[in-house]
Amino acid sequence: MYVNSIALNADVNALSYRRGKLTRIEFDDNILYVHKLADNDHIIIHGSIYDAHTNSIFDKDGNFAFLDIDNLTFGRDALGTKPLYYSIEDKLAIASDPRALDNPIAVEPGMLYQYKDSLEIADLNPLRNINPIEDDEDDAKENILRLLRESIDKRKKRCIIGVSGIDSIILAKIAKERSIIVCMKDSYDYIYAKKIA
């Protein structure tokens, strides 16, 4: 939800970005307008994240980093999979690439940062308050499989290449239920894809 490798200074009024396609998404009950860029991993949200969504944004399933320019509010997903850095020298600067900043500091996963007169940080990471699950083994297996299937189904594009770890093999097995193999019938890709799946 933030453009890759852009630095923002506190006194900048506009954000420049590559030309993209205007689309819209729903976020909770509010509709926000989004510029989708060529790289689908990075989008700019037009709308106020801070006022409407500070308590719920980190509960979203997905990888993101965001920046609300109007409120100088920024953060990243609970796992911290998307990079985001800031620096405070004479002014606040924010970037997804640490090389764009002097003395970069990594934005902590699941933390909401807002700069007013000083930097305020709120811990909203839902992963810090997880209660132990007391399911029996069979229920736990079913729940894990259900969650993995839901995660795979949420992704529009599915592709697994050259799996070797147990996690990749499990995902390949689940993806096989919803997939096709595209290659020549006698190719090595076909033979190995069949063996793995």
Protein backbone atom coordinates (compact mmCIF):
# COMPACT_ATOMS: atom_id res chain seq x y z
CA MET A 1 0.00 0.00 0.00
CA TYR A 2 3.04 2.13 -0.48
CA VAL A 3 5.25 2.87 -3.46
CA ASN A 4 8.57 1.03 -3.53
CA SER A 5 11.75 3.02 -2.88
CA ILE A 6 10.31 6.46 -2.35
CA ALA A 7 11.62 8.87 0.25
CA LEU A 8 9.23 11.36 1.83
CA ASN A 9 10.41 14.45 3.65
CA ALA A 10 8.07 16.11 6.12
CA ASP A 11 7.98 19.32 4.06
CA VAL A 12 7.07 17.63 0.74
CA ASN A 13 3.52 18.33 -0.43
CA ALA A 14 3.18 15.85 -3.29
CA LEU A 15 4.14 12.26 -3.92
CA SER A 16 5.48 11.37 -7.35
CA TYR A 17 5.03 7.87 -8.71
CA ARG A 18 5.01 5.93 -11.93
CA ARG A 19 1.93 6.13 -14.08
CA GLY A 20 -0.56 3.47 -13.04
CA LYS A 21 -4.09 2.24 -13.55
CA LEU A 22 -6.80 3.67 -11.29
CA THR A 23 -8.92 1.04 -9.63
CA ARG A 24 -10.83 0.76 -6.37
CA ILE A 25 -10.81 -1.58 -3.43
CA GLU A 26 -12.96 -1.98 -0.33
CA PHE A 27 -11.29 -1.69 3.02
CA ASP A 28 -13.70 -2.61 5.82
CA ASP A 29 -16.83 -0.51 5.20
CA ASN A 30 -15.03 2.35 3.48
CA ILE A 31 -14.07 2.53 -0.17
CA LEU A 32 -10.59 3.80 -0.88
CA TYR A 33 -9.23 4.59 -4.33
CA VAL A 34 -6.01 2.91 -5.31
CA HIS A 35 -3.42 3.46 -8.02
CA LYS A 36 -2.16 0.07 -9.13
CA LEU A 37 1.35 0.23 -10.49
CA ALA A 38 3.04 -2.09 -12.95
CA ASP A 39 4.42 -4.05 -9.99
CA ASN A 40 1.31 -5.43 -8.28
CA ASP A 41 3.07 -5.55 -4.92
CA HIS A 42 2.95 -1.78 -4.53
CA ILE A 43 -0.12 0.44 -4.54
CA ILE A 44 -0.96 3.88 -3.21
CA ILE A 45 -4.14 4.25 -1.17
CA HIS A 46 -6.04 7.53 -1.46
CA GLY A 47 -7.96 7.98 1.75
CA SER A 48 -7.32 8.31 5.44
CA ILE A 49 -5.89 5.17 6.99
CA TYR A 50 -5.15 6.69 10.36
CA ASP A 51 -8.62 7.91 11.31
CA ALA A 52 -10.65 4.93 10.15
CA HIS A 53 -8.35 1.96 10.33
CA THR A 54 -5.65 2.21 12.96
CA ASN A 55 -7.14 -0.59 15.04
CA SER A 56 -7.91 -2.96 12.19
CA ILE A 57 -5.22 -2.53 9.53
CA PHE A 58 -2.82 -4.95 11.18
CA ASP A 59 -5.50 -7.67 11.32
CA LYS A 60 -5.55 -7.81 7.52
CA ASP A 61 -4.23 -10.95 5.85
CA GLY A 62 -1.47 -9.95 3.51
CA ASN A 63 1.88 -8.29 3.15
CA PHE A 64 1.93 -4.52 3.17
CA ALA A 65 3.70 -1.36 4.13
CA PHE A 66 1.80 1.90 4.12
CA LEU A 67 2.27 5.62 4.38
CA ASP A 68 -0.51 8.15 5.00
CA ILE A 69 1.04 11.43 3.87
CA ASP A 70 -1.67 13.70 5.31
CA ASN A 71 -1.16 12.39 8.85
CA LEU A 72 2.49 11.30 8.49
CA THR A 73 1.41 7.84 9.63
CA PHE A 74 3.22 4.71 8.50
CA GLY A 75 3.68 1.05 9.34
CA ARG A 76 4.03 -2.46 7.97
CA ASP A 77 2.25 -5.79 8.30
CA ALA A 78 2.42 -7.88 11.46
CA LEU A 79 5.08 -10.21 10.02
CA GLY A 80 7.14 -7.42 8.52
CA THR A 81 7.45 -9.00 5.09
CA LYS A 82 7.43 -5.71 3.18
CA PRO A 83 10.43 -3.46 3.88
CA LEU A 84 10.00 0.01 5.32
CA TYR A 85 12.57 2.31 6.92
CA TYR A 86 12.65 5.79 8.38
CA SER A 87 15.25 8.29 9.40
CA ILE A 88 15.02 11.39 11.56
CA GLU A 89 17.90 13.76 11.03
CA ASP A 90 16.76 17.34 10.42
CA LYS A 91 13.44 16.01 9.17
CA LEU A 92 11.51 12.76 8.80
CA ALA A 93 12.31 10.61 5.77
CA ILE A 94 10.64 7.29 4.88
CA ALA A 95 11.67 4.73 2.24
CA SER A 96 11.37 1.05 1.39
CA ASP A 97 15.07 0.94 0.48
CA PRO A 98 17.47 1.74 3.34
CA ARG A 99 20.05 3.06 0.86
CA ALA A 100 17.79 6.06 0.22
CA LEU A 101 18.22 7.25 3.82
CA ASP A 102 20.96 8.49 6.11
CA ASN A 103 21.05 6.31 9.26
CA PRO A 104 17.97 4.19 8.39
CA ILE A 105 15.91 2.57 11.14
CA ALA A 106 13.70 -0.42 10.28
CA VAL A 107 9.98 0.05 10.95
CA GLU A 108 9.01 -2.68 13.42
CA PRO A 109 6.35 -5.15 12.21
CA GLY A 110 2.84 -4.39 13.43
CA MET A 111 3.79 -1.01 14.88
CA LEU A 112 1.93 2.16 13.90
CA TYR A 113 4.15 5.25 13.62
CA GLN A 114 2.81 8.79 13.57
CA TYR A 115 4.89 11.94 13.42
CA LYS A 116 3.42 15.06 15.01
CA ASP A 117 5.92 17.12 16.97
CA SER A 118 7.83 13.93 17.65
CA LEU A 119 7.55 10.31 16.56
CA GLU A 120 4.78 8.41 18.36
CA ILE A 121 4.76 4.61 18.13
CA ALA A 122 1.81 2.33 18.99
CA ASP A 123 2.05 -1.46 19.16
CA LEU A 124 -0.94 -2.88 17.25
CA ASN A 125 0.60 -6.23 16.29
CA PRO A 126 -2.09 -8.91 16.76
CA LEU A 127 0.57 -11.64 16.78
CA ARG A 128 1.91 -10.51 20.15
CA ASN A 129 -1.31 -11.51 21.95
CA ILE A 130 -2.06 -14.99 20.68
CA ASN A 131 -3.60 -17.37 23.18
CA PRO A 132 -2.58 -21.03 23.12
CA ILE A 133 -4.93 -23.28 21.17
CA GLU A 134 -6.18 -26.32 23.03
CA ASP A 135 -7.50 -28.36 20.07
CA ASP A 136 -6.90 -32.06 19.91
CA GLU A 137 -4.45 -33.27 17.27
CA ASP A 138 -7.09 -34.11 14.63
CA ASP A 139 -8.83 -30.73 14.98
CA ALA A 140 -5.46 -28.94 14.83
CA LYS A 141 -4.56 -30.78 11.59
CA GLU A 142 -7.95 -29.91 10.05
CA ASN A 143 -7.63 -26.25 11.05
CA ILE A 144 -4.10 -25.96 9.66
CA LEU A 145 -5.18 -27.56 6.37
CA ARG A 146 -8.25 -25.28 6.19
CA LEU A 147 -6.13 -22.17 6.83
CA LEU A 148 -3.57 -23.21 4.19
CA ARG A 149 -6.34 -23.83 1.63
CA GLU A 150 -7.93 -20.45 2.40
CA SER A 151 -4.56 -18.75 2.03
CA ILE A 152 -3.93 -20.40 -1.34
CA ASP A 153 -7.45 -19.55 -2.56
CA LYS A 154 -7.00 -15.87 -1.66
CA ARG A 155 -4.06 -15.54 -4.01
CA LYS A 156 -5.11 -14.87 -7.60
CA LYS A 157 -1.88 -16.16 -9.06
CA ARG A 158 -0.56 -19.51 -7.94
CA CYS A 159 2.75 -20.87 -9.04
CA ILE A 160 5.13 -23.22 -7.26
CA ILE A 161 8.49 -23.84 -8.86
CA GLY A 162 11.30 -26.13 -7.73
CA VAL A 163 9.96 -27.09 -4.34
CA SER A 164 12.32 -28.78 -1.90
CA GLY A 165 11.34 -27.81 1.66
CA ILE A 166 8.52 -29.46 3.58
CA ASP A 167 6.48 -26.24 3.60
CA SER A 168 6.72 -25.92 -0.19
CA ILE A 169 5.80 -29.57 -0.66
CA ILE A 170 2.69 -29.16 1.52
CA LEU A 171 1.66 -26.05 -0.44
CA ALA A 172 2.30 -27.88 -3.74
CA LYS A 173 0.10 -30.77 -2.61
CA ILE A 174 -2.75 -28.40 -1.66
CA ALA A 175 -2.30 -26.34 -4.84
CA LYS A 176 -2.51 -29.55 -6.90
CA GLU A 177 -6.22 -29.74 -5.98
CA ARG A 178 -6.77 -26.49 -7.91
CA SER A 179 -4.07 -26.52 -10.55
CA ILE A 180 -2.96 -27.63 -13.97
CA ILE A 181 0.49 -28.39 -15.34
CA VAL A 182 1.53 -26.44 -18.43
CA CYS A 183 4.46 -28.02 -20.27
CA MET A 184 5.31 -30.68 -22.83
CA LYS A 185 4.11 -34.12 -21.71
CA ASP A 186 7.52 -35.80 -21.76
CA SER A 187 9.52 -32.84 -20.44
CA TYR A 188 11.51 -32.99 -17.22
CA ASP A 189 9.21 -30.31 -15.79
CA TYR A 190 6.19 -32.57 -16.28
CA ILE A 191 7.90 -35.63 -14.82
CA TYR A 192 9.16 -33.79 -11.73
CA ALA A 193 5.92 -31.86 -11.21
CA LYS A 194 4.02 -35.16 -11.17
CA LYS A 195 6.51 -36.69 -8.72
CA ILE A 196 6.38 -33.71 -6.37
CA ALA A 197 2.60 -33.39 -6.45
